[in-house]
């Protein structure tokens, strides 16, 4: 069901704009953040229904650290996370196989470049399954 609030955390303005153009016409409400601290502030201020989180922000692994922090927080641990990155292809690592593990604490992983169909399908499926997510 559209109308859910999504926080996007990605340092690339083109990715933030592309995700906005993909998701807002489908009815999702986006808050786009360029940094991890900005994203955490947005999440703490108004808890979203979903987080789209890039891995490489100020440091190559900042996205992982944010996800670990969110999973440790009692109030925020149930928010589904979709990690997005091009690093897996660059490094030859299939992060999607590690989804849900301690290593990749997210419900889904999307490799860049992103397509509208890929993003909308993944967002819908993740939001539809959020009631079965692990809680605190």
N, C-alpha and C. Protein backbone atom coordinates (compact mmCIF):
# COMPACT_ATOMS: atom_id res chain seq x y z
N UNK A 1 0.84 -1.16 0.00
CA UNK A 1 0.00 0.00 0.00
C UNK A 1 0.89 1.23 0.00
N UNK A 2 0.68 2.12 -0.93
CA UNK A 2 1.48 3.33 -1.03
C UNK A 2 1.09 4.31 0.07
N UNK A 3 1.89 5.34 0.25
CA UNK A 3 1.66 6.33 1.28
C UNK A 3 2.64 6.19 2.43
N UNK A 4 3.38 5.10 2.46
CA UNK A 4 4.35 4.90 3.51
C UNK A 4 5.50 5.89 3.39
N UNK A 5 6.12 6.16 4.52
CA UNK A 5 7.24 7.10 4.57
C UNK A 5 8.55 6.34 4.47
N UNK A 6 9.41 6.80 3.58
CA UNK A 6 10.70 6.17 3.33
C UNK A 6 11.80 7.20 3.54
N UNK A 7 12.82 6.82 4.31
CA UNK A 7 14.01 7.65 4.44
C UNK A 7 15.08 7.07 3.52
N UNK A 8 15.60 7.92 2.65
CA UNK A 8 16.68 7.55 1.74
C UNK A 8 17.95 8.18 2.27
N UNK A 9 18.98 7.36 2.47
CA UNK A 9 20.28 7.88 2.91
C UNK A 9 21.30 7.50 1.84
N UNK A 10 21.71 8.49 1.06
CA UNK A 10 22.68 8.27 -0.02
C UNK A 10 23.39 9.59 -0.27
N UNK A 11 24.71 9.54 -0.37
CA UNK A 11 25.47 10.77 -0.57
C UNK A 11 25.47 11.27 -2.01
N UNK A 12 24.95 10.49 -2.92
CA UNK A 12 24.92 10.87 -4.33
C UNK A 12 23.60 11.59 -4.64
N UNK A 13 23.65 12.87 -4.98
CA UNK A 13 22.41 13.60 -5.25
C UNK A 13 21.63 13.04 -6.44
N UNK A 14 22.33 12.46 -7.41
CA UNK A 14 21.64 11.86 -8.56
C UNK A 14 20.82 10.65 -8.14
N UNK A 15 21.36 9.85 -7.23
CA UNK A 15 20.63 8.67 -6.74
C UNK A 15 19.41 9.12 -5.93
N UNK A 16 19.60 10.12 -5.07
CA UNK A 16 18.46 10.63 -4.29
C UNK A 16 17.36 11.15 -5.21
N UNK A 17 17.75 11.89 -6.25
CA UNK A 17 16.77 12.41 -7.19
C UNK A 17 16.09 11.28 -7.96
N UNK A 18 16.87 10.30 -8.41
CA UNK A 18 16.30 9.17 -9.15
C UNK A 18 15.30 8.41 -8.29
N UNK A 19 15.65 8.14 -7.03
CA UNK A 19 14.74 7.42 -6.14
C UNK A 19 13.47 8.23 -5.89
N UNK A 20 13.60 9.53 -5.79
CA UNK A 20 12.43 10.39 -5.62
C UNK A 20 11.53 10.28 -6.85
N UNK A 21 12.13 10.34 -8.03
CA UNK A 21 11.35 10.24 -9.27
C UNK A 21 10.71 8.86 -9.45
N UNK A 22 11.31 7.84 -8.89
CA UNK A 22 10.76 6.49 -8.98
C UNK A 22 9.63 6.27 -7.99
N UNK A 23 9.81 6.74 -6.75
CA UNK A 23 8.92 6.36 -5.66
C UNK A 23 7.78 7.33 -5.37
N UNK A 24 8.01 8.62 -5.52
CA UNK A 24 6.93 9.57 -5.21
C UNK A 24 5.72 9.40 -6.12
N UNK A 25 5.88 9.17 -7.43
CA UNK A 25 4.69 8.95 -8.26
C UNK A 25 3.90 7.71 -7.86
N UNK A 26 4.57 6.76 -7.18
CA UNK A 26 3.89 5.55 -6.70
C UNK A 26 3.20 5.80 -5.36
N UNK A 27 3.30 7.03 -4.84
CA UNK A 27 2.59 7.39 -3.62
C UNK A 27 3.40 7.35 -2.35
N UNK A 28 4.68 7.03 -2.43
CA UNK A 28 5.51 6.99 -1.23
C UNK A 28 5.98 8.40 -0.88
N UNK A 29 6.11 8.65 0.42
CA UNK A 29 6.60 9.94 0.91
C UNK A 29 8.07 9.77 1.29
N UNK A 30 8.95 10.54 0.66
CA UNK A 30 10.38 10.39 0.88
C UNK A 30 10.97 11.53 1.67
N UNK A 31 11.92 11.18 2.51
CA UNK A 31 12.81 12.13 3.15
C UNK A 31 14.20 11.70 2.69
N UNK A 32 14.88 12.57 1.95
CA UNK A 32 16.20 12.23 1.42
C UNK A 32 17.29 12.91 2.24
N UNK A 33 18.30 12.12 2.59
CA UNK A 33 19.40 12.59 3.42
C UNK A 33 20.73 12.26 2.73
N UNK A 34 21.67 13.20 2.82
CA UNK A 34 22.96 13.03 2.16
C UNK A 34 24.02 12.40 3.05
N UNK A 35 23.79 12.39 4.35
CA UNK A 35 24.79 11.86 5.27
C UNK A 35 24.15 10.91 6.27
N UNK A 36 24.99 10.09 6.89
CA UNK A 36 24.50 9.19 7.92
C UNK A 36 23.90 9.92 9.11
N UNK A 37 24.60 10.93 9.66
CA UNK A 37 24.02 11.67 10.80
C UNK A 37 22.69 12.35 10.44
N UNK A 38 22.60 12.90 9.24
CA UNK A 38 21.35 13.53 8.81
C UNK A 38 20.23 12.48 8.74
N UNK A 39 20.57 11.29 8.24
CA UNK A 39 19.60 10.21 8.16
C UNK A 39 19.13 9.75 9.53
N UNK A 40 20.07 9.61 10.46
CA UNK A 40 19.71 9.16 11.80
C UNK A 40 18.81 10.19 12.49
N UNK A 41 19.07 11.47 12.25
CA UNK A 41 18.22 12.51 12.81
C UNK A 41 16.81 12.41 12.25
N UNK A 42 16.70 12.22 10.94
CA UNK A 42 15.38 12.10 10.29
C UNK A 42 14.64 10.87 10.80
N UNK A 43 15.35 9.77 10.98
CA UNK A 43 14.73 8.54 11.47
C UNK A 43 14.25 8.71 12.91
N UNK A 44 15.07 9.35 13.73
CA UNK A 44 14.71 9.56 15.13
C UNK A 44 13.57 10.55 15.31
N UNK A 45 13.47 11.53 14.41
CA UNK A 45 12.45 12.56 14.51
C UNK A 45 11.07 12.03 14.14
N UNK A 46 11.01 11.22 13.10
CA UNK A 46 9.73 10.70 12.62
C UNK A 46 9.99 9.32 12.02
N UNK A 47 9.77 8.29 12.81
CA UNK A 47 10.13 6.93 12.40
C UNK A 47 9.49 6.56 11.07
N UNK A 48 10.32 6.18 10.09
CA UNK A 48 9.78 5.82 8.77
C UNK A 48 9.28 4.37 8.73
N UNK A 49 8.63 4.04 7.64
CA UNK A 49 8.18 2.67 7.41
C UNK A 49 9.28 1.82 6.78
N UNK A 50 10.27 2.49 6.17
CA UNK A 50 11.32 1.79 5.43
C UNK A 50 12.52 2.72 5.29
N UNK A 51 13.71 2.12 5.22
CA UNK A 51 14.94 2.88 5.00
C UNK A 51 15.64 2.31 3.77
N UNK A 52 16.01 3.20 2.83
CA UNK A 52 16.87 2.85 1.71
C UNK A 52 18.24 3.41 2.05
N UNK A 53 19.24 2.56 2.20
CA UNK A 53 20.52 2.95 2.77
C UNK A 53 21.68 2.54 1.88
N UNK A 54 22.45 3.53 1.44
CA UNK A 54 23.67 3.27 0.67
C UNK A 54 24.74 2.75 1.63
N UNK A 55 25.63 1.92 1.14
CA UNK A 55 26.72 1.40 1.97
C UNK A 55 27.83 2.44 2.11
N UNK A 56 28.26 2.99 0.98
CA UNK A 56 29.39 3.91 0.99
C UNK A 56 28.90 5.35 1.13
N UNK A 57 29.12 5.91 2.30
CA UNK A 57 28.75 7.30 2.57
C UNK A 57 30.06 8.05 2.85
N UNK A 58 30.24 8.60 4.04
CA UNK A 58 31.48 9.30 4.37
C UNK A 58 32.68 8.35 4.41
N UNK A 59 32.40 7.09 4.73
CA UNK A 59 33.44 6.06 4.71
C UNK A 59 32.90 4.88 3.90
N UNK A 60 33.77 4.01 3.44
CA UNK A 60 33.32 2.89 2.61
C UNK A 60 32.32 1.93 3.27
N UNK A 61 32.25 1.95 4.60
CA UNK A 61 31.35 1.02 5.29
C UNK A 61 30.37 1.73 6.22
N UNK A 62 30.20 3.03 6.08
CA UNK A 62 29.32 3.77 7.00
C UNK A 62 27.89 3.23 6.99
N UNK A 63 27.39 2.84 5.82
CA UNK A 63 26.04 2.30 5.75
C UNK A 63 25.87 1.06 6.61
N UNK A 64 26.86 0.18 6.61
CA UNK A 64 26.81 -1.00 7.48
C UNK A 64 26.74 -0.57 8.94
N UNK A 65 27.56 0.40 9.32
CA UNK A 65 27.59 0.85 10.71
C UNK A 65 26.25 1.46 11.12
N UNK A 66 25.62 2.22 10.23
CA UNK A 66 24.29 2.76 10.52
C UNK A 66 23.28 1.64 10.71
N UNK A 67 23.34 0.63 9.83
CA UNK A 67 22.41 -0.49 9.94
C UNK A 67 22.61 -1.24 11.27
N UNK A 68 23.87 -1.45 11.67
CA UNK A 68 24.14 -2.11 12.95
C UNK A 68 23.56 -1.28 14.10
N UNK A 69 23.75 0.04 14.03
CA UNK A 69 23.23 0.93 15.07
C UNK A 69 21.70 0.86 15.14
N UNK A 70 21.05 0.84 13.99
CA UNK A 70 19.59 0.75 13.96
C UNK A 70 19.11 -0.58 14.54
N UNK A 71 19.80 -1.66 14.25
CA UNK A 71 19.38 -2.98 14.72
C UNK A 71 19.56 -3.12 16.23
N UNK A 72 20.46 -2.33 16.83
CA UNK A 72 20.67 -2.38 18.28
C UNK A 72 19.68 -1.53 19.05
N UNK A 73 18.99 -0.63 18.37
CA UNK A 73 18.06 0.29 19.01
C UNK A 73 16.69 -0.37 19.14
N UNK A 74 16.18 -0.47 20.37
CA UNK A 74 14.90 -1.14 20.60
C UNK A 74 13.75 -0.58 19.77
N UNK A 75 13.67 0.73 19.69
CA UNK A 75 12.56 1.37 18.99
C UNK A 75 12.71 1.32 17.47
N UNK A 76 13.93 1.27 16.98
CA UNK A 76 14.17 1.37 15.54
C UNK A 76 14.51 0.05 14.86
N UNK A 77 14.73 -0.98 15.64
CA UNK A 77 15.22 -2.25 15.08
C UNK A 77 14.23 -2.94 14.14
N UNK A 78 12.95 -2.59 14.24
CA UNK A 78 11.96 -3.26 13.40
C UNK A 78 11.73 -2.55 12.05
N UNK A 79 12.41 -1.42 11.82
CA UNK A 79 12.25 -0.73 10.54
C UNK A 79 13.01 -1.52 9.47
N UNK A 80 12.33 -1.93 8.41
CA UNK A 80 13.04 -2.66 7.36
C UNK A 80 14.05 -1.77 6.64
N UNK A 81 15.18 -2.38 6.32
CA UNK A 81 16.26 -1.68 5.61
C UNK A 81 16.51 -2.38 4.29
N UNK A 82 16.57 -1.58 3.23
CA UNK A 82 17.03 -2.07 1.93
C UNK A 82 18.35 -1.37 1.68
N UNK A 83 19.43 -2.14 1.63
CA UNK A 83 20.74 -1.55 1.36
C UNK A 83 20.93 -1.48 -0.15
N UNK A 84 21.55 -0.38 -0.59
CA UNK A 84 21.81 -0.19 -2.02
C UNK A 84 23.27 0.19 -2.21
N UNK A 85 23.89 -0.35 -3.25
CA UNK A 85 25.28 -0.02 -3.50
C UNK A 85 25.75 -0.59 -4.82
N UNK A 86 26.83 -0.04 -5.31
CA UNK A 86 27.50 -0.62 -6.47
C UNK A 86 28.78 -1.32 -6.04
N UNK A 87 29.10 -1.25 -4.76
CA UNK A 87 30.36 -1.80 -4.27
C UNK A 87 30.43 -3.32 -4.43
N UNK A 88 29.31 -4.00 -4.32
CA UNK A 88 29.33 -5.45 -4.46
C UNK A 88 29.83 -5.88 -5.82
N UNK A 89 29.35 -5.22 -6.86
CA UNK A 89 29.80 -5.54 -8.22
C UNK A 89 31.26 -5.15 -8.41
N UNK A 90 31.63 -4.00 -7.86
CA UNK A 90 33.01 -3.51 -7.99
C UNK A 90 33.98 -4.46 -7.29
N UNK A 91 33.60 -4.94 -6.11
CA UNK A 91 34.48 -5.79 -5.31
C UNK A 91 34.29 -7.28 -5.60
N UNK A 92 33.27 -7.62 -6.38
CA UNK A 92 33.00 -9.02 -6.67
C UNK A 92 32.38 -9.76 -5.50
N UNK A 93 31.63 -9.04 -4.66
CA UNK A 93 31.00 -9.63 -3.48
C UNK A 93 29.49 -9.63 -3.70
N UNK A 94 28.85 -10.75 -3.42
CA UNK A 94 27.40 -10.83 -3.55
C UNK A 94 26.77 -10.60 -2.18
N UNK A 95 26.53 -9.32 -1.86
CA UNK A 95 25.95 -8.98 -0.57
C UNK A 95 24.55 -9.53 -0.41
N UNK A 96 23.83 -9.70 -1.50
CA UNK A 96 22.46 -10.21 -1.42
C UNK A 96 22.41 -11.57 -0.72
N UNK A 97 23.44 -12.38 -0.88
CA UNK A 97 23.48 -13.69 -0.23
C UNK A 97 23.62 -13.58 1.29
N UNK A 98 24.11 -12.44 1.75
CA UNK A 98 24.35 -12.23 3.18
C UNK A 98 23.22 -11.47 3.88
N UNK A 99 22.17 -11.12 3.14
CA UNK A 99 21.06 -10.35 3.70
C UNK A 99 20.46 -11.08 4.89
N UNK A 100 20.20 -10.32 5.95
CA UNK A 100 19.60 -10.90 7.15
C UNK A 100 20.63 -11.49 8.10
N UNK A 101 21.87 -11.56 7.67
CA UNK A 101 22.92 -12.08 8.54
C UNK A 101 23.45 -10.95 9.41
N UNK A 102 24.33 -11.30 10.32
CA UNK A 102 24.96 -10.29 11.15
C UNK A 102 25.82 -9.37 10.28
N UNK A 103 26.33 -9.89 9.19
CA UNK A 103 27.20 -9.12 8.30
C UNK A 103 26.41 -8.07 7.51
N UNK A 104 25.24 -8.42 7.00
CA UNK A 104 24.39 -7.49 6.24
C UNK A 104 23.03 -7.43 6.96
N UNK A 105 22.91 -6.53 7.93
CA UNK A 105 21.69 -6.45 8.73
C UNK A 105 20.58 -5.68 8.01
N UNK A 106 20.12 -6.26 6.93
CA UNK A 106 19.07 -5.63 6.11
C UNK A 106 18.14 -6.71 5.61
N UNK A 107 16.94 -6.28 5.19
CA UNK A 107 15.97 -7.24 4.65
C UNK A 107 16.25 -7.54 3.18
N UNK A 108 16.78 -6.54 2.48
CA UNK A 108 17.06 -6.72 1.05
C UNK A 108 18.32 -5.95 0.68
N UNK A 109 18.88 -6.30 -0.47
CA UNK A 109 20.05 -5.60 -1.00
C UNK A 109 19.84 -5.40 -2.49
N UNK A 110 20.05 -4.17 -2.96
CA UNK A 110 19.92 -3.86 -4.38
C UNK A 110 21.25 -3.34 -4.92
N UNK A 111 21.67 -3.90 -6.05
CA UNK A 111 22.87 -3.41 -6.71
C UNK A 111 22.51 -2.25 -7.62
N UNK A 112 23.36 -1.22 -7.58
CA UNK A 112 23.23 -0.11 -8.53
C UNK A 112 23.87 -0.56 -9.84
N UNK A 113 23.41 -0.10 -10.96
CA UNK A 113 22.38 0.92 -11.15
C UNK A 113 20.99 0.34 -10.86
N UNK A 114 20.13 1.22 -10.36
CA UNK A 114 18.77 0.85 -9.98
C UNK A 114 17.81 1.12 -11.13
N UNK A 115 16.80 0.27 -11.24
CA UNK A 115 15.73 0.51 -12.21
C UNK A 115 14.45 0.77 -11.43
N UNK A 116 13.53 1.48 -12.06
CA UNK A 116 12.26 1.79 -11.40
C UNK A 116 11.54 0.51 -11.00
N UNK A 117 11.45 -0.44 -11.90
CA UNK A 117 10.75 -1.70 -11.60
C UNK A 117 11.40 -2.42 -10.43
N UNK A 118 12.73 -2.49 -10.43
CA UNK A 118 13.47 -3.17 -9.35
C UNK A 118 13.18 -2.50 -8.01
N UNK A 119 13.24 -1.18 -7.97
CA UNK A 119 13.06 -0.45 -6.72
C UNK A 119 11.63 -0.58 -6.21
N UNK A 120 10.66 -0.32 -7.08
CA UNK A 120 9.26 -0.36 -6.64
C UNK A 120 8.87 -1.78 -6.20
N UNK A 121 9.27 -2.77 -6.93
CA UNK A 121 8.95 -4.15 -6.57
C UNK A 121 9.56 -4.51 -5.22
N UNK A 122 10.82 -4.15 -5.03
CA UNK A 122 11.51 -4.48 -3.77
C UNK A 122 10.90 -3.73 -2.60
N UNK A 123 10.59 -2.45 -2.79
CA UNK A 123 9.97 -1.66 -1.73
C UNK A 123 8.61 -2.26 -1.36
N UNK A 124 7.79 -2.57 -2.36
CA UNK A 124 6.45 -3.14 -2.08
C UNK A 124 6.56 -4.47 -1.34
N UNK A 125 7.45 -5.34 -1.81
CA UNK A 125 7.60 -6.65 -1.17
C UNK A 125 8.12 -6.51 0.26
N UNK A 126 9.05 -5.61 0.46
CA UNK A 126 9.62 -5.43 1.79
C UNK A 126 8.58 -4.85 2.75
N UNK A 127 7.84 -3.86 2.30
CA UNK A 127 6.79 -3.29 3.16
C UNK A 127 5.69 -4.30 3.43
N UNK A 128 5.34 -5.11 2.46
CA UNK A 128 4.29 -6.11 2.65
C UNK A 128 4.73 -7.17 3.67
N UNK A 129 6.02 -7.44 3.74
CA UNK A 129 6.53 -8.46 4.66
C UNK A 129 7.00 -7.93 5.99
N UNK A 130 6.85 -6.64 6.24
CA UNK A 130 7.42 -6.07 7.46
C UNK A 130 6.80 -6.60 8.73
N UNK A 131 5.58 -7.10 8.67
CA UNK A 131 4.96 -7.63 9.89
C UNK A 131 5.67 -8.89 10.38
N UNK A 132 6.41 -9.54 9.46
CA UNK A 132 7.14 -10.74 9.86
C UNK A 132 8.58 -10.47 10.23
N UNK A 133 9.00 -9.22 10.26
CA UNK A 133 10.37 -8.89 10.58
C UNK A 133 10.66 -9.13 12.05
N UNK A 134 11.91 -9.39 12.32
CA UNK A 134 12.32 -9.58 13.71
C UNK A 134 12.20 -8.27 14.47
N UNK A 135 11.79 -8.33 15.66
CA UNK A 135 11.64 -7.15 16.49
C UNK A 135 12.77 -7.02 17.47
N UNK A 136 12.61 -6.14 18.44
CA UNK A 136 13.68 -5.94 19.43
C UNK A 136 13.96 -7.17 20.25
